[in-house]
Each structure stands twice: as structure tokens, then as C-alpha cells.
Amino acid sequence: MPPDFDNFEPTFIKNFRNLLTSAPAKGRQKEQEVQDYIEEHTLLFLPQFKTHKGIYGQRIVSKFKLGTEKVSDFTYVSIDSDTTNIVFVELESPLKTIFTNAADKAALNAKFTAAVQQVQGWRILIEKNRAEVIKRLSPLLPSFSNPIQFKYALIYGRSDEKSYENRREVFSDLKRNSGILLNTYDNLIDAFKDDQTKELNVMAHSGEGYRYKHLHLNPQNDFAQLLPDKLHLTKKQIAALRRDGYEMDEWLKGKYLKFNSKYATEESVLKLAPPNIRAQRSG
């Protein structure tokens, strides 16, 4: 990243800054405009909780249903050696304020408090429906049976509201004690600047499985884990993946692509290997 980032920042960051301060288009909610933009530019997706392995599968789920009414704006998985962590993320409008208008006071805005309480309420709902939530996410979970933990995150408001020390202290205390991963929209830009973000694919629930809402990069292990009954592709996506070397015809026949994330058999991999490697294997 250039040292003078403000003078060299990419156009998509400049456009994001403008989006954060502009009024929503007629008939649209601001938080949905922001979510749509993040889905199109996933380098802005801040993994508020992640292990050293990053986001599992390099994919996030858009609008995952927690129940009949509640929806998590983003959901993703991050694993470590002994735990599978499922993170549910709520987005609120960047135009909403964290604190009341009294500039030197650290009184939390009622709408911010309500948003925190809403995410805290997810815990009750998700634990009540724990088995069903895990079942619907199971196609995207690792095959090994680590214990599963749920984590909750909220992105709300702007960082300039914390310019006073007393406000920073109140916000930090809430982050420590609320059980929620709290960040502002400026933290998304900061994470990109600090090289903490990566391109991700965006998925959405589709019947009994999932579909790619945005296919930003070649999938790593999706076709080694999911067959067509659980991963629903468009004809355009299949054609693009076929051009990139994925054995989509084999996958469509019900064969997992377990070799190099693209191939159904080791023989397919060997066909692309240098002649000396092929000779060693055949010998």
C-alpha cells in the first residue's frame, strides 16, 4: 500500500467514502446500499473475528436467515485447530450516530443501544434454533467435527464520533463487555489499508443449498465439498469455470473435484504436469 494512502487510494475506496456520507437513493435503505457495495468490493469486508487461517473457503454468505424473521447481513466461518467459529454480522446505516449530539458527552444514542441489544438478542434466537442453524450452514462447514462456537458482530456509524477520550473509553468498554465485535465503517477502510482484507466470494442460500451471488475469485475447495444438489450454478458461471480449467462436466455428473480444487482424478492433474513428472509417475 502506498505510504501516502489518501493521495493514492483506489477509486472504489473514494466511492465508498462518498457512499458513507450520501443520502440513500429514493426507496432504498442506506444499510442495503452499503451491503451491496461491500459485496461488489469484498476487499472492504472486515473479518471482525478470524483465526490465522482466515475466512474458511474464502466465502461469505449474504442475508442468512436466523429464523422466520431475523436475518444476518453477513455470515462466515473461521476455523482454528480445535474450534469452528461461525460469525454473524449486522450492518447498520453509516449515517446513524453512536452518541447523542452533545459533543463532549459520552451518552450512547438510543438507536445504537437498540442495535446492540438486537444483536445480543440473536444469541437467544440462535441458541434456541442451534441445530437448525448448523444444519442449514452444514454444506459450507468443514467436514471434521470441531466444536462450534457462535460469534456476533455489528458495524455501525463513523469513527470520528470517538474523538473525545471519554467517548473512546465508553466505546471500548462496550466492546469488551457486550459480547459483540463492534466496529465502525471507517474500520473497514483501515483494514484494507493495513492489508487485513482479501477478495472473497459471496454466496446466498438457495433452496437446500447455496449459490454464488458474486463469484470474485476461483473457488478453492467448493467443488471438492459440494455437488450440484448443494451448489447451484448459472450457465454463465459454469462456462467461466470451465474456461478456467475446472472439470465442470465431471462435477455435473456428480464427481467431486478433489485434486487441485479443479480436477476429478489425479490423471487429469498429471496430464498438465511436465513430461518428466508424468514419466516418473507412470514408471
Protein backbone atom coordinates (compact mmCIF):
# COMPACT_ATOMS: atom_id res chain seq x y z
CA MET A 1 0.00 0.00 0.00
CA PRO A 2 1.41 3.47 -0.85
CA PRO A 3 2.66 5.34 2.25
CA ASP A 4 0.58 8.41 1.35
CA PHE A 5 -2.65 6.45 1.07
CA ASP A 6 -5.01 9.43 0.95
CA ASN A 7 -3.39 10.67 -2.27
CA PHE A 8 -3.27 7.26 -3.90
CA GLU A 9 -6.33 5.45 -2.60
CA PRO A 10 -8.20 3.37 -5.19
CA THR A 11 -11.34 4.70 -6.81
CA PHE A 12 -13.50 2.09 -5.08
CA ILE A 13 -12.36 3.44 -1.70
CA LYS A 14 -13.10 7.03 -2.70
CA ASN A 15 -16.52 5.97 -3.93
CA PHE A 16 -17.11 4.11 -0.67
CA ARG A 17 -16.30 7.23 1.34
CA ASN A 18 -18.85 9.14 -0.73
CA LEU A 19 -21.41 6.39 -0.26
CA LEU A 20 -20.99 6.54 3.53
CA THR A 21 -21.92 10.22 3.67
CA SER A 22 -24.60 10.48 0.98
CA ALA A 23 -28.33 10.15 1.49
CA PRO A 24 -29.83 6.86 0.29
CA ALA A 25 -31.46 6.70 -3.11
CA LYS A 26 -35.21 7.09 -3.12
CA GLY A 27 -36.90 3.92 -1.91
CA ARG A 28 -33.68 2.31 -0.66
CA GLN A 29 -32.28 1.70 2.80
CA LYS A 30 -28.80 3.05 3.42
CA GLU A 31 -27.51 -0.13 5.02
CA GLN A 32 -28.62 -2.13 1.96
CA GLU A 33 -26.76 0.24 -0.36
CA VAL A 34 -23.65 -0.25 1.76
CA GLN A 35 -24.06 -4.04 1.82
CA ASP A 36 -24.46 -4.16 -1.95
CA TYR A 37 -21.26 -2.14 -2.37
CA ILE A 38 -19.28 -4.35 0.02
CA GLU A 39 -20.49 -7.45 -1.82
CA GLU A 40 -19.24 -5.97 -5.08
CA HIS A 41 -15.92 -4.89 -3.48
CA THR A 42 -15.13 -7.56 -0.88
CA LEU A 43 -11.74 -6.02 -0.10
CA LEU A 44 -13.93 -3.83 2.12
CA PHE A 45 -15.21 -6.80 4.09
CA LEU A 46 -13.70 -6.66 7.57
CA PRO A 47 -13.32 -10.09 9.20
CA GLN A 48 -14.06 -8.88 12.73
CA PHE A 49 -13.20 -12.32 14.02
CA LYS A 50 -10.73 -14.57 12.27
CA THR A 51 -8.09 -17.11 13.10
CA HIS A 52 -4.67 -17.31 11.47
CA LYS A 53 -6.34 -19.41 8.76
CA GLY A 54 -8.56 -16.51 7.73
CA ILE A 55 -12.10 -16.90 6.41
CA TYR A 56 -12.82 -20.54 5.66
CA GLY A 57 -13.35 -21.22 1.96
CA GLN A 58 -12.77 -17.55 1.10
CA ARG A 59 -16.53 -17.06 1.08
CA ILE A 60 -19.15 -15.09 2.95
CA VAL A 61 -22.91 -15.65 2.99
CA SER A 62 -25.29 -12.78 2.28
CA LYS A 63 -28.59 -12.50 4.16
CA PHE A 64 -28.52 -15.77 6.07
CA LYS A 65 -31.84 -16.37 7.82
CA LEU A 66 -31.57 -16.88 11.56
CA GLY A 67 -35.25 -17.67 11.91
CA THR A 68 -38.55 -16.77 10.30
CA GLU A 69 -37.93 -13.01 10.67
CA LYS A 70 -34.32 -12.30 11.66
CA VAL A 71 -31.52 -12.15 9.08
CA SER A 72 -27.76 -11.83 9.46
CA ASP A 73 -26.43 -9.43 6.81
CA PHE A 74 -23.22 -11.45 6.51
CA THR A 75 -22.23 -14.83 7.89
CA TYR A 76 -18.84 -16.51 7.60
CA VAL A 77 -16.76 -19.30 9.10
CA SER A 78 -13.27 -19.16 10.57
CA ILE A 79 -11.58 -22.27 11.96
CA ASP A 80 -8.63 -22.99 14.22
CA SER A 81 -7.12 -26.23 15.43
CA ASP A 82 -9.97 -27.14 17.75
CA THR A 83 -12.95 -24.84 17.01
CA THR A 84 -15.23 -23.95 14.13
CA ASN A 85 -16.34 -20.34 14.62
CA ILE A 86 -19.47 -19.07 12.87
CA VAL A 87 -19.70 -15.27 12.80
CA PHE A 88 -22.96 -13.37 12.25
CA VAL A 89 -22.63 -9.74 11.15
CA GLU A 90 -25.21 -6.96 11.36
CA LEU A 91 -24.83 -3.78 9.30
CA GLU A 92 -26.49 -0.54 10.33
CA SER A 93 -26.53 2.75 8.47
CA PRO A 94 -23.26 4.71 8.49
CA LEU A 95 -25.42 7.83 8.86
CA LYS A 96 -26.60 6.76 12.30
CA THR A 97 -24.74 8.15 15.30
CA ILE A 98 -23.24 6.19 18.16
CA PHE A 99 -23.51 9.03 20.67
CA THR A 100 -26.05 11.79 21.31
CA ASN A 101 -25.46 15.23 19.83
CA ALA A 102 -23.77 16.70 22.91
CA ALA A 103 -20.21 16.69 21.52
CA ASP A 104 -18.38 16.44 24.83
CA LYS A 105 -20.75 13.87 26.36
CA ALA A 106 -20.41 10.08 26.17
CA ALA A 107 -24.12 9.28 26.22
CA LEU A 108 -24.97 6.49 23.80
CA ASN A 109 -27.64 7.16 21.18
CA ALA A 110 -30.82 5.16 21.78
CA LYS A 111 -30.74 3.74 18.23
CA PHE A 112 -27.21 2.48 18.74
CA THR A 113 -28.17 0.88 22.05
CA ALA A 114 -31.14 -0.77 20.32
CA ALA A 115 -28.86 -2.15 17.58
CA VAL A 116 -26.52 -3.65 20.19
CA GLN A 117 -29.47 -5.19 22.01
CA GLN A 118 -30.80 -6.59 18.73
CA VAL A 119 -27.55 -8.43 18.05
CA GLN A 120 -27.42 -9.61 21.65
CA GLY A 121 -30.93 -10.96 21.11
CA TRP A 122 -29.61 -13.06 18.24
CA ARG A 123 -27.81 -15.21 20.79
CA ILE A 124 -31.07 -16.32 22.34
CA LEU A 125 -32.66 -16.99 18.96
CA ILE A 126 -29.67 -18.87 17.55
CA GLU A 127 -29.11 -20.98 20.65
CA LYS A 128 -32.80 -21.84 20.63
CA ASN A 129 -32.51 -22.95 17.00
CA ARG A 130 -28.89 -24.10 17.18
CA ALA A 131 -29.37 -27.45 15.45
CA GLU A 132 -31.37 -25.93 12.58
CA VAL A 133 -28.87 -23.08 12.03
CA ILE A 134 -25.96 -25.53 11.89
CA LYS A 135 -27.91 -27.84 9.58
CA ARG A 136 -28.58 -25.02 7.07
CA LEU A 137 -24.93 -23.95 7.19
CA SER A 138 -23.58 -27.51 7.10
CA PRO A 139 -22.80 -27.53 3.33
CA LEU A 140 -20.28 -24.73 3.99
CA LEU A 141 -18.74 -26.13 7.17
CA PRO A 142 -15.54 -28.20 7.31
CA SER A 143 -16.03 -31.95 7.31
CA PHE A 144 -14.15 -32.53 10.56
CA SER A 145 -16.19 -32.33 13.74
CA ASN A 146 -14.73 -29.47 15.75
CA PRO A 147 -16.90 -27.91 18.45
CA ILE A 148 -18.90 -25.00 17.02
CA GLN A 149 -18.94 -21.54 18.57
CA PHE A 150 -21.13 -18.63 17.51
CA LYS A 151 -19.84 -15.07 17.45
CA TYR A 152 -21.66 -11.82 16.78
CA ALA A 153 -20.58 -8.58 15.13
CA LEU A 154 -22.03 -5.11 14.50
CA ILE A 155 -20.81 -2.39 12.12
CA TYR A 156 -22.29 0.98 12.94
CA GLY A 157 -21.56 4.69 12.48
CA ARG A 158 -18.27 6.51 11.98
CA SER A 159 -15.01 6.68 13.90
CA ASP A 160 -14.88 10.48 14.12
CA GLU A 161 -17.55 10.31 16.81
CA LYS A 162 -14.91 8.92 19.16
CA SER A 163 -12.68 12.00 19.03
CA TYR A 164 -13.19 12.65 22.75
CA GLU A 165 -11.36 10.46 25.27
CA ASN A 166 -14.48 9.81 27.34
CA ARG A 167 -16.30 8.55 24.25
CA ARG A 168 -13.42 6.24 23.33
CA GLU A 169 -13.48 4.82 26.85
CA VAL A 170 -17.23 4.15 26.74
CA PHE A 171 -16.99 2.52 23.30
CA SER A 172 -14.01 0.39 24.33
CA ASP A 173 -15.80 -0.73 27.47
CA LEU A 174 -18.82 -1.74 25.41
CA LYS A 175 -16.59 -3.73 23.04
CA ARG A 176 -15.08 -5.59 25.99
CA ASN A 177 -18.30 -6.36 27.82
CA SER A 178 -21.15 -6.58 25.31
CA GLY A 179 -20.11 -9.92 23.82
CA ILE A 180 -20.28 -8.28 20.38
CA LEU A 181 -17.49 -7.43 17.97
CA LEU A 182 -18.06 -3.69 17.41
CA ASN A 183 -16.60 -1.64 14.57
CA THR A 184 -17.34 1.49 12.57
CA TYR A 185 -17.33 1.80 8.79
CA ASP A 186 -14.00 3.62 8.90
CA ASN A 187 -12.52 0.43 10.34
CA LEU A 188 -13.32 -1.31 7.04
CA ILE A 189 -11.19 1.20 5.16
CA ASP A 190 -8.44 0.95 7.77
CA ALA A 191 -8.40 -2.84 7.45
CA PHE A 192 -7.94 -2.56 3.69
CA LYS A 193 -5.16 -0.02 4.15
CA ASP A 194 -3.42 -2.41 6.58
CA ASP A 195 -3.72 -5.37 4.18
CA GLN A 196 -6.06 -7.22 6.53
CA THR A 197 -8.70 -7.96 3.89
CA LYS A 198 -8.89 -10.26 0.88
CA GLU A 199 -11.11 -10.85 -2.11
CA LEU A 200 -13.97 -13.19 -1.24
CA ASN A 201 -16.79 -14.95 -2.99
CA VAL A 202 -20.29 -14.01 -1.90
CA MET A 203 -22.85 -16.79 -1.54
CA ALA A 204 -26.56 -16.84 -0.77
CA HIS A 205 -28.91 -19.55 0.46
CA SER A 206 -30.73 -21.27 -2.40
CA GLY A 207 -33.29 -23.96 -1.63
CA GLU A 208 -31.47 -26.76 0.17
CA GLY A 209 -28.08 -25.42 -0.86
CA TYR A 210 -26.24 -22.28 -1.92
CA ARG A 211 -25.48 -20.19 -5.00
CA TYR A 212 -22.78 -17.71 -5.89
CA LYS A 213 -24.17 -14.22 -5.69
CA HIS A 214 -20.77 -12.78 -6.66
CA LEU A 215 -18.00 -15.05 -7.96
CA HIS A 216 -14.99 -12.78 -7.47
CA LEU A 217 -12.25 -15.43 -7.49
CA ASN A 218 -11.77 -19.06 -8.45
CA PRO A 219 -13.19 -21.27 -5.69
CA GLN A 220 -10.63 -23.18 -3.64
CA ASN A 221 -12.38 -26.25 -2.31
CA ASP A 222 -16.06 -25.71 -3.04
CA PHE A 223 -16.25 -28.39 -5.72
CA ALA A 224 -14.38 -30.85 -3.53
CA GLN A 225 -17.01 -30.31 -0.85
CA LEU A 226 -20.27 -29.59 -2.69
CA LEU A 227 -22.09 -31.30 -5.54
CA PRO A 228 -24.77 -29.74 -7.78
CA ASP A 229 -27.56 -30.57 -5.33
CA LYS A 230 -25.97 -28.22 -2.78
CA LEU A 231 -24.21 -25.69 -5.03
CA HIS A 232 -26.41 -24.15 -7.70
CA LEU A 233 -24.54 -22.51 -10.58
CA THR A 234 -25.74 -20.47 -13.53
CA LYS A 235 -24.82 -21.49 -17.06
CA LYS A 236 -22.62 -18.41 -17.27
CA GLN A 237 -20.73 -19.40 -14.11
CA ILE A 238 -20.27 -22.97 -15.34
CA ALA A 239 -18.88 -21.73 -18.64
CA ALA A 240 -16.48 -19.33 -16.93
CA LEU A 241 -15.21 -22.01 -14.55
CA ARG A 242 -14.79 -24.45 -17.42
CA ARG A 243 -12.65 -21.88 -19.25
CA ASP A 244 -10.53 -21.59 -16.10
CA GLY A 245 -9.78 -25.31 -16.19
CA TYR A 246 -12.37 -26.73 -13.80
CA GLU A 247 -13.69 -30.15 -14.87
CA MET A 248 -17.27 -28.95 -14.67
CA ASP A 249 -18.64 -31.75 -16.83
CA GLU A 250 -17.32 -34.28 -14.34
CA TRP A 251 -18.69 -32.26 -11.45
CA LEU A 252 -22.11 -32.03 -13.08
CA LYS A 253 -22.08 -35.85 -13.29
CA GLY A 254 -21.73 -35.98 -9.51
CA LYS A 255 -17.96 -36.29 -9.11
CA TYR A 256 -16.10 -34.21 -6.54
CA LEU A 257 -13.20 -32.14 -7.84
CA LYS A 258 -10.75 -33.18 -5.13
CA PHE A 259 -7.47 -32.67 -6.97
CA ASN A 260 -6.02 -29.15 -7.05
CA SER A 261 -9.60 -27.89 -6.46
CA LYS A 262 -10.32 -28.35 -10.19
CA TYR A 263 -9.99 -31.98 -11.20
CA ALA A 264 -11.94 -35.15 -10.57
CA THR A 265 -8.97 -37.54 -10.88
CA GLU A 266 -5.23 -37.49 -10.35
CA GLU A 267 -4.83 -38.49 -14.01
CA SER A 268 -6.29 -35.13 -15.02
CA VAL A 269 -3.65 -33.36 -12.95
CA LEU A 270 -0.86 -35.45 -14.45
CA LYS A 271 -1.92 -34.51 -17.97
CA LEU A 272 -0.90 -30.95 -17.16
CA ALA A 273 2.38 -31.89 -15.46
CA PRO A 274 5.77 -31.55 -17.20
CA PRO A 275 6.84 -34.65 -19.19
CA ASN A 276 9.50 -35.67 -16.65
CA ILE A 277 6.93 -35.70 -13.83
CA ARG A 278 4.49 -37.73 -15.93
CA ALA A 279 7.27 -40.20 -16.74
CA GLN A 280 8.17 -40.59 -13.05
CA ARG A 281 4.55 -41.28 -12.13
CA SER A 282 3.99 -43.73 -14.96
CA GLY A 283 7.23 -45.53 -14.14
